[in-house]
Amino acid sequence: MLKGLISRLFGRRSDAIAPADTRASEPVRPAAVQAQGVRASAGDINAAFYCLVAGDPHEDVPAATEQLILESLLRLVKAPDSAASLVPRVPAVIPPLLRSLRDTSLSGSDLARQIAQDVVLVGEVIREANSSYYSPATPVRNLEAAVLMLGQNGLRMLLARVAFRPVISQQSGRLARLSAPPIWAQAEKCALAASMLAYEHGAEPFEAYLAGLMENVGLIVAFRMIDQGFGDKAVLPGSAQFCRGLFGYARMISARIAMLWDFPPNVVTAIAQAGEADGPPLAQALGKADRISKLRLLADSGRVGIDAARAGMDATELQCFDKLKDKEPG
């Protein structure tokens, strides 16, 4: 069964995004997002997000260098052990979270006692309860009240985020360090958006949250690889061809690592097929969350106007977009 899943998800898809000749490639042009908002193509939104993450991509990088990087990423798609070695492993808290997804036997007091053993976690829980997402009528001051506010699913999402943070945020290498903050901010927002949109698509909210956190781990892997290959001279190419290849391979790498880390098969599938018209419900929710979260970051950074970012969104998408406004990185 596992072999069949790998073949279906990755066998033909790696070839479909294989590197092509970049000599005639156009530079990255993200301007289309301004006019079309969430209805802009995934490529346009990724291009705009790439410029945010990369700062100022270099349009004069030789075609041979771009080709070398893309070919190296393809090798990582096919060797997930090597890809996973470039980022810290998700801490051991994730498997128990997955196993306890539907466990309702623990009371709020039981959960509060367990959380109270970790001072840092206590602060995280109380801060989360006071965030704009929950918007309490009065500030939450104690742990038990915070646990009640979040509920079991909210706690699982919080714990997953705390566990995931080092995977993206604790990086060495110039490009990886510079790109980690916006990638982590997008991962948090994407996870939250995916959990909110899961109901609409008939998907499991916690699994959607995990998929959102995991989706762009492959980008960090890519930047770590470039850092290792080029050192302090590492730069990010500015061609549209490279941008398409980077995001395509990064998503495949994320899915392969998720499989290696024993994430549920439907989470792996959602990452591999995010946003595809014929994808399963979780993939549909994740694709939409990815677009909305990137637009939120682009709007907050001033790279896309708020009205432009909201253009074309339906009522559910607008509600999700607005919920992400004041969500601070955790």
C-alpha atoms as a PDB file:
ATOM      1  CA  MET A   1       0.000   0.000   0.000  1.00  0.00           C
ATOM      2  CA  LEU A   2       2.763   2.457   0.956  1.00  0.00           C
ATOM      3  CA  LYS A   3       4.689   1.665  -2.234  1.00  0.00           C
ATOM      4  CA  GLY A   4       1.556   2.287  -4.266  1.00  0.00           C
ATOM      5  CA  LEU A   5       0.956   5.645  -2.589  1.00  0.00           C
ATOM      6  CA  ILE A   6       4.517   6.739  -3.288  1.00  0.00           C
ATOM      7  CA  SER A   7       4.187   5.722  -6.927  1.00  0.00           C
ATOM      8  CA  ARG A   8       0.866   7.507  -7.427  1.00  0.00           C
ATOM      9  CA  LEU A   9       1.940  10.724  -5.748  1.00  0.00           C
ATOM     10  CA  PHE A  10       5.516  11.093  -6.862  1.00  0.00           C
ATOM     11  CA  GLY A  11       6.285   8.796  -9.779  1.00  0.00           C
ATOM     12  CA  ARG A  12       4.872  10.844 -12.635  1.00  0.00           C
ATOM     13  CA  ARG A  13       4.750  14.176 -10.817  1.00  0.00           C
ATOM     14  CA  SER A  14       8.504  14.561 -10.416  1.00  0.00           C
ATOM     15  CA  ASP A  15       8.907  14.216 -14.168  1.00  0.00           C
ATOM     16  CA  ALA A  16       6.076  16.703 -14.776  1.00  0.00           C
ATOM     17  CA  ILE A  17       8.052  19.523 -13.165  1.00  0.00           C
ATOM     18  CA  ALA A  18      11.511  18.459 -14.323  1.00  0.00           C
ATOM     19  CA  PRO A  19      13.912  21.367 -14.928  1.00  0.00           C
ATOM     20  CA  ALA A  20      13.866  22.877 -18.384  1.00  0.00           C
ATOM     21  CA  ASP A  21      16.240  25.146 -20.255  1.00  0.00           C
ATOM     22  CA  THR A  22      16.233  28.498 -18.445  1.00  0.00           C
ATOM     23  CA  ARG A  23      18.156  30.560 -20.994  1.00  0.00           C
ATOM     24  CA  ALA A  24      15.025  32.237 -22.381  1.00  0.00           C
ATOM     25  CA  SER A  25      13.258  32.493 -19.055  1.00  0.00           C
ATOM     26  CA  GLU A  26      11.444  35.684 -18.137  1.00  0.00           C
ATOM     27  CA  PRO A  27      12.096  37.378 -14.783  1.00  0.00           C
ATOM     28  CA  VAL A  28       9.654  36.896 -11.935  1.00  0.00           C
ATOM     29  CA  ARG A  29       6.663  39.198 -12.467  1.00  0.00           C
ATOM     30  CA  PRO A  30       4.200  39.104  -9.546  1.00  0.00           C
ATOM     31  CA  ALA A  31       2.184  42.152 -10.600  1.00  0.00           C
ATOM     32  CA  ALA A  32      -0.874  40.124 -11.661  1.00  0.00           C
ATOM     33  CA  VAL A  33      -1.771  39.570  -8.004  1.00  0.00           C
ATOM     34  CA  GLN A  34      -2.611  43.253  -7.661  1.00  0.00           C
ATOM     35  CA  ALA A  35      -5.507  42.952 -10.093  1.00  0.00           C
ATOM     36  CA  GLN A  36      -6.830  39.467  -9.377  1.00  0.00           C
ATOM     37  CA  GLY A  37      -6.279  38.777  -5.668  1.00  0.00           C
ATOM     38  CA  VAL A  38      -7.124  35.218  -4.662  1.00  0.00           C
ATOM     39  CA  ARG A  39      -8.212  34.511  -8.247  1.00  0.00           C
ATOM     40  CA  ALA A  40      -4.678  35.144  -9.485  1.00  0.00           C
ATOM     41  CA  SER A  41      -2.866  32.030 -10.616  1.00  0.00           C
ATOM     42  CA  ALA A  42      -0.941  29.980  -8.074  1.00  0.00           C
ATOM     43  CA  GLY A  43       2.194  30.832 -10.039  1.00  0.00           C
ATOM     44  CA  ASP A  44       1.601  34.579  -9.725  1.00  0.00           C
ATOM     45  CA  ILE A  45       0.934  34.340  -5.996  1.00  0.00           C
ATOM     46  CA  ASN A  46       4.010  32.164  -5.510  1.00  0.00           C
ATOM     47  CA  ALA A  47       6.082  34.647  -7.512  1.00  0.00           C
ATOM     48  CA  ALA A  48       4.979  37.507  -5.278  1.00  0.00           C
ATOM     49  CA  PHE A  49       5.624  35.426  -2.158  1.00  0.00           C
ATOM     50  CA  TYR A  50       9.028  34.401  -3.532  1.00  0.00           C
ATOM     51  CA  CYS A  51      10.005  38.056  -3.908  1.00  0.00           C
ATOM     52  CA  LEU A  52       8.929  38.660  -0.303  1.00  0.00           C
ATOM     53  CA  VAL A  53      10.967  35.693   0.954  1.00  0.00           C
ATOM     54  CA  ALA A  54      13.978  36.216  -1.297  1.00  0.00           C
ATOM     55  CA  GLY A  55      14.189  39.988  -0.941  1.00  0.00           C
ATOM     56  CA  ASP A  56      15.535  40.918  -4.354  1.00  0.00           C
ATOM     57  CA  PRO A  57      16.087  37.798  -6.476  1.00  0.00           C
ATOM     58  CA  HIS A  58      19.060  38.085  -8.844  1.00  0.00           C
ATOM     59  CA  GLU A  59      18.060  38.132 -12.510  1.00  0.00           C
ATOM     60  CA  ASP A  60      21.687  37.694 -13.643  1.00  0.00           C
ATOM     61  CA  VAL A  61      22.243  34.219 -12.167  1.00  0.00           C
ATOM     62  CA  PRO A  62      23.614  32.008 -14.972  1.00  0.00           C
ATOM     63  CA  ALA A  63      21.160  29.552 -16.514  1.00  0.00           C
ATOM     64  CA  ALA A  64      23.565  26.730 -15.736  1.00  0.00           C
ATOM     65  CA  THR A  65      23.445  27.599 -12.029  1.00  0.00           C
ATOM     66  CA  GLU A  66      19.639  27.636 -12.006  1.00  0.00           C
ATOM     67  CA  GLN A  67      19.632  24.273 -13.759  1.00  0.00           C
ATOM     68  CA  LEU A  68      22.091  22.839 -11.261  1.00  0.00           C
ATOM     69  CA  ILE A  69      19.938  23.935  -8.305  1.00  0.00           C
ATOM     70  CA  LEU A  70      16.744  22.529  -9.820  1.00  0.00           C
ATOM     71  CA  GLU A  71      18.402  19.231 -10.655  1.00  0.00           C
ATOM     72  CA  SER A  72      19.689  19.025  -7.075  1.00  0.00           C
ATOM     73  CA  LEU A  73      16.150  19.633  -5.787  1.00  0.00           C
ATOM     74  CA  LEU A  74      14.848  16.833  -7.988  1.00  0.00           C
ATOM     75  CA  ARG A  75      17.411  14.510  -6.426  1.00  0.00           C
ATOM     76  CA  LEU A  76      16.116  15.491  -2.973  1.00  0.00           C
ATOM     77  CA  VAL A  77      12.560  14.689  -4.081  1.00  0.00           C
ATOM     78  CA  LYS A  78      13.797  11.195  -4.846  1.00  0.00           C
ATOM     79  CA  ALA A  79      15.894  10.941  -1.641  1.00  0.00           C
ATOM     80  CA  PRO A  80      13.691  12.154   1.238  1.00  0.00           C
ATOM     81  CA  ASP A  81      16.171  10.930   3.878  1.00  0.00           C
ATOM     82  CA  SER A  82      18.725  13.381   2.517  1.00  0.00           C
ATOM     83  CA  ALA A  83      16.134  16.155   2.354  1.00  0.00           C
ATOM     84  CA  ALA A  84      14.948  15.533   5.929  1.00  0.00           C
ATOM     85  CA  SER A  85      18.529  15.673   7.214  1.00  0.00           C
ATOM     86  CA  LEU A  86      18.639  19.380   6.283  1.00  0.00           C
ATOM     87  CA  VAL A  87      16.005  20.351   8.892  1.00  0.00           C
ATOM     88  CA  PRO A  88      15.439  19.379  12.541  1.00  0.00           C
ATOM     89  CA  ARG A  89      13.026  16.484  12.980  1.00  0.00           C
ATOM     90  CA  VAL A  90       9.577  17.222  14.379  1.00  0.00           C
ATOM     91  CA  PRO A  91       9.775  16.512  18.138  1.00  0.00           C
ATOM     92  CA  ALA A  92       8.226  13.366  19.554  1.00  0.00           C
ATOM     93  CA  VAL A  93       5.094  15.258  20.655  1.00  0.00           C
ATOM     94  CA  ILE A  94       3.541  14.995  17.170  1.00  0.00           C
ATOM     95  CA  PRO A  95       2.824  11.218  17.083  1.00  0.00           C
ATOM     96  CA  PRO A  96       0.972  11.321  20.435  1.00  0.00           C
ATOM     97  CA  LEU A  97      -1.004  14.308  19.164  1.00  0.00           C
ATOM     98  CA  LEU A  98      -2.052  12.333  16.130  1.00  0.00           C
ATOM     99  CA  ARG A  99      -2.997   9.302  18.231  1.00  0.00           C
ATOM    100  CA  SER A 100      -5.034  11.437  20.613  1.00  0.00           C
ATOM    101  CA  LEU A 101      -6.877  13.300  17.861  1.00  0.00           C
ATOM    102  CA  ARG A 102     -10.215  11.780  18.814  1.00  0.00           C
ATOM    103  CA  ASP A 103      -9.455  11.049  22.466  1.00  0.00           C
ATOM    104  CA  THR A 104     -11.967  12.938  24.621  1.00  0.00           C
ATOM    105  CA  SER A 105     -11.219  11.158  27.903  1.00  0.00           C
ATOM    106  CA  LEU A 106      -9.028  13.905  29.373  1.00  0.00           C
ATOM    107  CA  SER A 107     -10.763  16.697  31.256  1.00  0.00           C
ATOM    108  CA  GLY A 108      -9.767  20.341  31.090  1.00  0.00           C
ATOM    109  CA  SER A 109      -8.255  20.056  34.564  1.00  0.00           C
ATOM    110  CA  ASP A 110      -6.191  17.044  33.499  1.00  0.00           C
ATOM    111  CA  LEU A 111      -4.866  18.939  30.506  1.00  0.00           C
ATOM    112  CA  ALA A 112      -4.101  22.015  32.609  1.00  0.00           C
ATOM    113  CA  ARG A 113      -2.086  19.911  35.072  1.00  0.00           C
ATOM    114  CA  GLN A 114      -0.026  18.422  32.255  1.00  0.00           C
ATOM    115  CA  ILE A 115       0.601  21.796  30.645  1.00  0.00           C
ATOM    116  CA  ALA A 116       1.522  23.385  33.995  1.00  0.00           C
ATOM    117  CA  GLN A 117       4.682  21.265  34.078  1.00  0.00           C
ATOM    118  CA  ASP A 118       6.176  23.408  31.298  1.00  0.00           C
ATOM    119  CA  VAL A 119       6.443  27.128  32.103  1.00  0.00           C
ATOM    120  CA  VAL A 120       7.029  28.105  28.474  1.00  0.00           C
ATOM    121  CA  LEU A 121       3.991  26.155  27.360  1.00  0.00           C
ATOM    122  CA  VAL A 122       1.838  27.844  30.005  1.00  0.00           C
ATOM    123  CA  GLY A 123       2.743  31.220  28.508  1.00  0.00           C
ATOM    124  CA  GLU A 124       1.999  29.966  24.995  1.00  0.00           C
ATOM    125  CA  VAL A 125      -1.445  28.698  26.004  1.00  0.00           C
ATOM    126  CA  ILE A 126      -2.475  31.894  27.791  1.00  0.00           C
ATOM    127  CA  ARG A 127      -1.185  34.068  24.942  1.00  0.00           C
ATOM    128  CA  GLU A 128      -3.102  31.969  22.421  1.00  0.00           C
ATOM    129  CA  ALA A 129      -6.324  32.284  24.416  1.00  0.00           C
ATOM    130  CA  ASN A 130      -5.960  36.080  24.276  1.00  0.00           C
ATOM    131  CA  SER A 131      -5.211  36.199  20.533  1.00  0.00           C
ATOM    132  CA  SER A 132      -7.457  37.825  17.937  1.00  0.00           C
ATOM    133  CA  TYR A 133      -8.548  34.395  16.762  1.00  0.00           C
ATOM    134  CA  TYR A 134     -10.401  33.731  20.060  1.00  0.00           C
ATOM    135  CA  SER A 135     -11.031  37.406  20.964  1.00  0.00           C
ATOM    136  CA  PRO A 136     -12.148  36.875  24.590  1.00  0.00           C
ATOM    137  CA  ALA A 137     -14.508  39.494  26.044  1.00  0.00           C
ATOM    138  CA  THR A 138     -12.093  39.946  28.959  1.00  0.00           C
ATOM    139  CA  PRO A 139      -8.396  39.014  29.111  1.00  0.00           C
ATOM    140  CA  VAL A 140      -7.678  35.399  30.103  1.00  0.00           C
ATOM    141  CA  ARG A 141      -5.353  35.387  33.106  1.00  0.00           C
ATOM    142  CA  ASN A 142      -5.054  31.778  34.294  1.00  0.00           C
ATOM    143  CA  LEU A 143      -4.229  28.435  32.735  1.00  0.00           C
ATOM    144  CA  GLU A 144      -7.524  26.625  33.367  1.00  0.00           C
ATOM    145  CA  ALA A 145      -9.516  29.439  31.777  1.00  0.00           C
ATOM    146  CA  ALA A 146      -7.152  29.395  28.798  1.00  0.00           C
ATOM    147  CA  VAL A 147      -7.556  25.623  28.410  1.00  0.00           C
ATOM    148  CA  LEU A 148     -11.339  26.008  28.424  1.00  0.00           C
ATOM    149  CA  MET A 149     -11.113  28.784  25.855  1.00  0.00           C
ATOM    150  CA  LEU A 150      -8.964  26.766  23.440  1.00  0.00           C
ATOM    151  CA  GLY A 151     -10.637  23.385  23.880  1.00  0.00           C
ATOM    152  CA  GLN A 152      -8.888  20.137  23.092  1.00  0.00           C
ATOM    153  CA  ASN A 153      -8.571  20.738  19.364  1.00  0.00           C
ATOM    154  CA  GLY A 154      -7.230  24.255  19.908  1.00  0.00           C
ATOM    155  CA  LEU A 155      -4.654  22.868  22.335  1.00  0.00           C
ATOM    156  CA  ARG A 156      -3.542  20.238  19.864  1.00  0.00           C
ATOM    157  CA  MET A 157      -3.060  22.888  17.214  1.00  0.00           C
ATOM    158  CA  LEU A 158      -1.066  25.042  19.615  1.00  0.00           C
ATOM    159  CA  LEU A 159       1.140  22.134  20.683  1.00  0.00           C
ATOM    160  CA  ALA A 160       1.711  21.166  17.050  1.00  0.00           C
ATOM    161  CA  ARG A 161       2.791  24.730  16.254  1.00  0.00           C
ATOM    162  CA  VAL A 162       5.171  24.849  19.212  1.00  0.00           C
ATOM    163  CA  ALA A 163       6.651  21.515  18.148  1.00  0.00           C
ATOM    164  CA  PHE A 164       6.984  22.612  14.519  1.00  0.00           C
ATOM    165  CA  ARG A 165       8.616  25.973  15.126  1.00  0.00           C
ATOM    166  CA  PRO A 166      12.212  24.679  15.329  1.00  0.00           C
ATOM    167  CA  VAL A 167      11.818  22.758  12.066  1.00  0.00           C
ATOM    168  CA  ILE A 168      11.590  26.032  10.140  1.00  0.00           C
ATOM    169  CA  SER A 169      12.928  28.678  12.508  1.00  0.00           C
ATOM    170  CA  GLN A 170      16.182  27.107  13.762  1.00  0.00           C
ATOM    171  CA  GLN A 171      18.307  27.406  10.656  1.00  0.00           C
ATOM    172  CA  SER A 172      21.933  27.963   9.728  1.00  0.00           C
ATOM    173  CA  GLY A 173      23.150  29.407   6.479  1.00  0.00           C
ATOM    174  CA  ARG A 174      22.490  32.911   5.216  1.00  0.00           C
ATOM    175  CA  LEU A 175      19.582  32.235   2.849  1.00  0.00           C
ATOM    176  CA  ALA A 176      17.842  29.842   5.227  1.00  0.00           C
ATOM    177  CA  ARG A 177      18.119  32.294   8.135  1.00  0.00           C
ATOM    178  CA  LEU A 178      16.797  35.204   6.065  1.00  0.00           C
ATOM    179  CA  SER A 179      13.919  33.237   4.587  1.00  0.00           C
ATOM    180  CA  ALA A 180      12.884  31.408   7.770  1.00  0.00           C
ATOM    181  CA  PRO A 181      10.840  34.258   9.392  1.00  0.00           C
ATOM    182  CA  PRO A 182       8.446  34.869   6.445  1.00  0.00           C
ATOM    183  CA  ILE A 183       8.190  31.144   5.725  1.00  0.00           C
ATOM    184  CA  TRP A 184       7.319  30.419   9.358  1.00  0.00           C
ATOM    185  CA  ALA A 185       4.810  33.296   9.421  1.00  0.00           C
ATOM    186  CA  GLN A 186       3.162  31.881   6.310  1.00  0.00           C
ATOM    187  CA  ALA A 187       3.163  28.356   7.750  1.00  0.00           C
ATOM    188  CA  GLU A 188       1.334  29.546  10.878  1.00  0.00           C
ATOM    189  CA  LYS A 189      -1.227  31.477   8.880  1.00  0.00           C
ATOM    190  CA  CYS A 190      -1.671  28.681   6.347  1.00  0.00           C
ATOM    191  CA  ALA A 191      -2.229  26.150   9.134  1.00  0.00           C
ATOM    192  CA  LEU A 192      -4.831  28.337  10.813  1.00  0.00           C
ATOM    193  CA  ALA A 193      -6.568  29.103   7.516  1.00  0.00           C
ATOM    194  CA  ALA A 194      -6.608  25.422   6.545  1.00  0.00           C
ATOM    195  CA  SER A 195      -8.194  24.450   9.856  1.00  0.00           C
ATOM    196  CA  MET A 196     -10.878  27.115   9.347  1.00  0.00           C
ATOM    197  CA  LEU A 197     -11.598  26.046   5.762  1.00  0.00           C
ATOM    198  CA  ALA A 198     -11.592  22.328   6.550  1.00  0.00           C
ATOM    199  CA  TYR A 199     -15.246  22.326   7.618  1.00  0.00           C
ATOM    200  CA  GLU A 200     -16.351  23.799   4.293  1.00  0.00           C
ATOM    201  CA  HIS A 201     -14.522  21.041   2.420  1.00  0.00           C
ATOM    202  CA  GLY A 202     -15.464  18.180   4.715  1.00  0.00           C
ATOM    203  CA  ALA A 203     -11.886  17.694   5.940  1.00  0.00           C
ATOM    204  CA  GLU A 204     -10.525  17.114   9.456  1.00  0.00           C
ATOM    205  CA  PRO A 205      -9.457  20.491  10.963  1.00  0.00           C
ATOM    206  CA  PHE A 206      -6.461  19.196  12.927  1.00  0.00           C
ATOM    207  CA  GLU A 207      -5.088  17.284   9.973  1.00  0.00           C
ATOM    208  CA  ALA A 208      -5.596  20.407   7.847  1.00  0.00           C
ATOM    209  CA  TYR A 209      -3.627  22.362  10.453  1.00  0.00           C
ATOM    210  CA  LEU A 210      -0.755  19.866  10.308  1.00  0.00           C
ATOM    211  CA  ALA A 211      -0.737  19.975   6.514  1.00  0.00           C
ATOM    212  CA  GLY A 212      -0.536  23.777   6.611  1.00  0.00           C
ATOM    213  CA  LEU A 213       2.430  23.711   8.982  1.00  0.00           C
ATOM    214  CA  MET A 214       4.230  21.109   6.895  1.00  0.00           C
ATOM    215  CA  GLU A 215       3.518  22.341   3.370  1.00  0.00           C
ATOM    216  CA  ASN A 216       6.487  24.680   2.931  1.00  0.00           C
ATOM    217  CA  VAL A 217       9.138  22.803   4.917  1.00  0.00           C
ATOM    218  CA  GLY A 218      10.537  21.915   1.494  1.00  0.00           C
ATOM    219  CA  LEU A 219      11.334  25.585   0.850  1.00  0.00           C
ATOM    220  CA  ILE A 220      13.604  25.660   3.879  1.00  0.00           C
ATOM    221  CA  VAL A 221      15.226  22.438   2.670  1.00  0.00           C
ATOM    222  CA  ALA A 222      15.846  24.091  -0.698  1.00  0.00           C
ATOM    223  CA  PHE A 223      17.457  27.173   0.834  1.00  0.00           C
ATOM    224  CA  ARG A 224      19.592  25.019   3.139  1.00  0.00           C
ATOM    225  CA  MET A 225      20.795  23.079   0.115  1.00  0.00           C
ATOM    226  CA  ILE A 226      21.668  26.282  -1.765  1.00  0.00           C
ATOM    227  CA  ASP A 227      23.512  27.591   1.297  1.00  0.00           C
ATOM    228  CA  GLN A 228      25.536  24.409   1.553  1.00  0.00           C
ATOM    229  CA  GLY A 229      26.372  24.428  -2.139  1.00  0.00           C
ATOM    230  CA  PHE A 230      27.324  28.083  -2.497  1.00  0.00           C
ATOM    231  CA  GLY A 231      28.137  29.336   1.011  1.00  0.00           C
ATOM    232  CA  ASP A 232      28.173  33.086   1.577  1.00  0.00           C
ATOM    233  CA  LYS A 233      27.973  33.637  -2.199  1.00  0.00           C
ATOM    234  CA  ALA A 234      24.562  31.960  -2.373  1.00  0.00           C
ATOM    235  CA  VAL A 235      21.894  34.041  -4.145  1.00  0.00           C
ATOM    236  CA  LEU A 236      18.368  33.258  -5.284  1.00  0.00           C
ATOM    237  CA  PRO A 237      17.720  33.382  -9.044  1.00  0.00           C
ATOM    238  CA  GLY A 238      15.031  35.787 -10.218  1.00  0.00           C
ATOM    239  CA  SER A 239      13.628  33.931 -13.226  1.00  0.00           C
ATOM    240  CA  ALA A 240      10.020  32.802 -13.455  1.00  0.00           C
ATOM    241  CA  GLN A 241      11.204  29.384 -14.628  1.00  0.00           C
ATOM    242  CA  PHE A 242      13.283  28.933 -11.483  1.00  0.00           C
ATOM    243  CA  CYS A 243      10.453  30.142  -9.255  1.00  0.00           C
ATOM    244  CA  ARG A 244       8.050  27.575 -10.738  1.00  0.00           C
ATOM    245  CA  GLY A 245      10.561  24.777 -10.356  1.00  0.00           C
ATOM    246  CA  LEU A 246      11.474  25.785  -6.815  1.00  0.00           C
ATOM    247  CA  PHE A 247       7.884  25.775  -5.539  1.00  0.00           C
ATOM    248  CA  GLY A 248       6.995  22.596  -7.395  1.00  0.00           C
ATOM    249  CA  TYR A 249       9.937  20.633  -6.050  1.00  0.00           C
ATOM    250  CA  ALA A 250       9.666  22.147  -2.567  1.00  0.00           C
ATOM    251  CA  ARG A 251       6.079  20.939  -2.263  1.00  0.00           C
ATOM    252  CA  MET A 252       7.086  17.432  -3.325  1.00  0.00           C
ATOM    253  CA  ILE A 253       9.934  17.469  -0.811  1.00  0.00           C
ATOM    254  CA  SER A 254       7.512  18.531   1.936  1.00  0.00           C
ATOM    255  CA  ALA A 255       5.207  15.646   1.078  1.00  0.00           C
ATOM    256  CA  ARG A 256       8.035  13.121   0.991  1.00  0.00           C
ATOM    257  CA  ILE A 257       9.336  14.273   4.387  1.00  0.00           C
ATOM    258  CA  ALA A 258       5.802  14.142   5.815  1.00  0.00           C
ATOM    259  CA  MET A 259       5.588  10.536   4.662  1.00  0.00           C
ATOM    260  CA  LEU A 260       9.013   9.800   6.158  1.00  0.00           C
ATOM    261  CA  TRP A 261       7.847  11.275   9.469  1.00  0.00           C
ATOM    262  CA  ASP A 262       4.771   9.013   9.513  1.00  0.00           C
ATOM    263  CA  PHE A 263       2.164  11.690   8.923  1.00  0.00           C
ATOM    264  CA  PRO A 264      -1.256  10.313   7.952  1.00  0.00           C
ATOM    265  CA  PRO A 265      -1.458   9.350   4.254  1.00  0.00           C
ATOM    266  CA  ASN A 266      -4.246  11.867   3.586  1.00  0.00           C
ATOM    267  CA  VAL A 267      -2.031  14.692   4.947  1.00  0.00           C
ATOM    268  CA  VAL A 268       0.781  13.579   2.640  1.00  0.00           C
ATOM    269  CA  THR A 269      -1.639  13.446  -0.294  1.00  0.00           C
ATOM    270  CA  ALA A 270      -3.021  16.903   0.549  1.00  0.00           C
ATOM    271  CA  ILE A 271       0.458  18.444   0.471  1.00  0.00           C
ATOM    272  CA  ALA A 272       1.329  16.726  -2.808  1.00  0.00           C
ATOM    273  CA  GLN A 273      -1.949  17.729  -4.475  1.00  0.00           C
ATOM    274  CA  ALA A 274      -2.722  21.046  -2.784  1.00  0.00           C
ATOM    275  CA  GLY A 275      -5.142  23.125  -4.825  1.00  0.00           C
ATOM    276  CA  GLU A 276      -5.521  20.670  -7.688  1.00  0.00           C
ATOM    277  CA  ALA A 277      -9.004  20.648  -9.206  1.00  0.00           C
ATOM    278  CA  ASP A 278      -9.365  16.891  -8.799  1.00  0.00           C
ATOM    279  CA  GLY A 279      -7.643  16.698  -5.412  1.00  0.00           C
ATOM    280  CA  PRO A 280      -9.292  15.295  -2.273  1.00  0.00           C
ATOM    281  CA  PRO A 281     -11.123  17.609   0.192  1.00  0.00           C
ATOM    282  CA  LEU A 282      -8.090  18.152   2.419  1.00  0.00           C
ATOM    283  CA  ALA A 283      -5.986  19.143  -0.596  1.00  0.00           C
ATOM    284  CA  GLN A 284      -8.675  21.614  -1.672  1.00  0.00           C
ATOM    285  CA  ALA A 285      -8.755  23.231   1.773  1.00  0.00           C
ATOM    286  CA  LEU A 286      -4.954  23.375   1.902  1.00  0.00           C
ATOM    287  CA  GLY A 287      -4.653  24.914  -1.553  1.00  0.00           C
ATOM    288  CA  LYS A 288      -7.115  27.655  -0.706  1.00  0.00           C
ATOM    289  CA  ALA A 289      -5.439  28.272   2.670  1.00  0.00           C
ATOM    290  CA  ASP A 290      -2.037  28.529   1.005  1.00  0.00           C
ATOM    291  CA  ARG A 291      -3.285  31.243  -1.357  1.00  0.00           C
ATOM    292  CA  ILE A 292      -5.116  33.240   1.322  1.00  0.00           C
ATOM    293  CA  SER A 293      -2.234  33.090   3.804  1.00  0.00           C
ATOM    294  CA  LYS A 294       0.270  34.273   1.194  1.00  0.00           C
ATOM    295  CA  LEU A 295      -2.023  37.120   0.178  1.00  0.00           C
ATOM    296  CA  ARG A 296      -2.380  38.106   3.844  1.00  0.00           C
ATOM    297  CA  LEU A 297       1.405  38.309   4.247  1.00  0.00           C
ATOM    298  CA  LEU A 298       1.792  40.198   0.971  1.00  0.00           C
ATOM    299  CA  ALA A 299      -0.874  42.686   2.066  1.00  0.00           C
ATOM    300  CA  ASP A 300       0.600  43.107   5.547  1.00  0.00           C
ATOM    301  CA  SER A 301       4.050  43.729   4.043  1.00  0.00           C
ATOM    302  CA  GLY A 302       2.666  46.386   1.663  1.00  0.00           C
ATOM    303  CA  ARG A 303       3.576  44.442  -1.469  1.00  0.00           C
ATOM    304  CA  VAL A 304      -0.098  44.040  -2.399  1.00  0.00           C
ATOM    305  CA  GLY A 305      -2.874  46.459  -1.469  1.00  0.00           C
ATOM    306  CA  ILE A 306      -5.545  45.198   0.930  1.00  0.00           C
ATOM    307  CA  ASP A 307      -8.325  45.784  -1.593  1.00  0.00           C
ATOM    308  CA  ALA A 308      -6.329  44.031  -4.291  1.00  0.00           C
ATOM    309  CA  ALA A 309      -5.598  41.071  -2.019  1.00  0.00           C
ATOM    310  CA  ARG A 310      -9.297  40.733  -1.167  1.00  0.00           C
ATOM    311  CA  ALA A 311     -10.391  40.983  -4.812  1.00  0.00           C
ATOM    312  CA  GLY A 312     -12.394  37.960  -5.904  1.00  0.00           C
ATOM    313  CA  MET A 313     -12.762  36.392  -2.455  1.00  0.00           C
ATOM    314  CA  ASP A 314     -16.096  34.938  -1.433  1.00  0.00           C
ATOM    315  CA  ALA A 315     -17.594  35.482   2.028  1.00  0.00           C
ATOM    316  CA  THR A 316     -15.835  32.476   3.601  1.00  0.00           C
ATOM    317  CA  GLU A 317     -12.477  33.448   2.115  1.00  0.00           C
ATOM    318  CA  LEU A 318     -12.867  37.054   3.279  1.00  0.00           C
ATOM    319  CA  GLN A 319     -13.667  35.921   6.802  1.00  0.00           C
ATOM    320  CA  CYS A 320     -10.590  33.712   6.810  1.00  0.00           C
ATOM    321  CA  PHE A 321      -8.398  36.478   5.343  1.00  0.00           C
ATOM    322  CA  ASP A 322      -9.569  38.944   7.999  1.00  0.00           C
ATOM    323  CA  LYS A 323      -9.026  36.431  10.821  1.00  0.00           C
ATOM    324  CA  LEU A 324      -5.365  36.193   9.867  1.00  0.00           C
ATOM    325  CA  LYS A 325      -4.745  39.935  10.160  1.00  0.00           C
ATOM    326  CA  ASP A 326      -3.538  40.209  13.729  1.00  0.00           C
ATOM    327  CA  LYS A 327      -2.255  36.677  14.150  1.00  0.00           C
ATOM    328  CA  GLU A 328       1.245  37.102  15.509  1.00  0.00           C
ATOM    329  CA  PRO A 329       3.949  34.468  14.947  1.00  0.00           C
ATOM    330  CA  GLY A 330       4.051  32.020  17.862  1.00  0.00           C
END
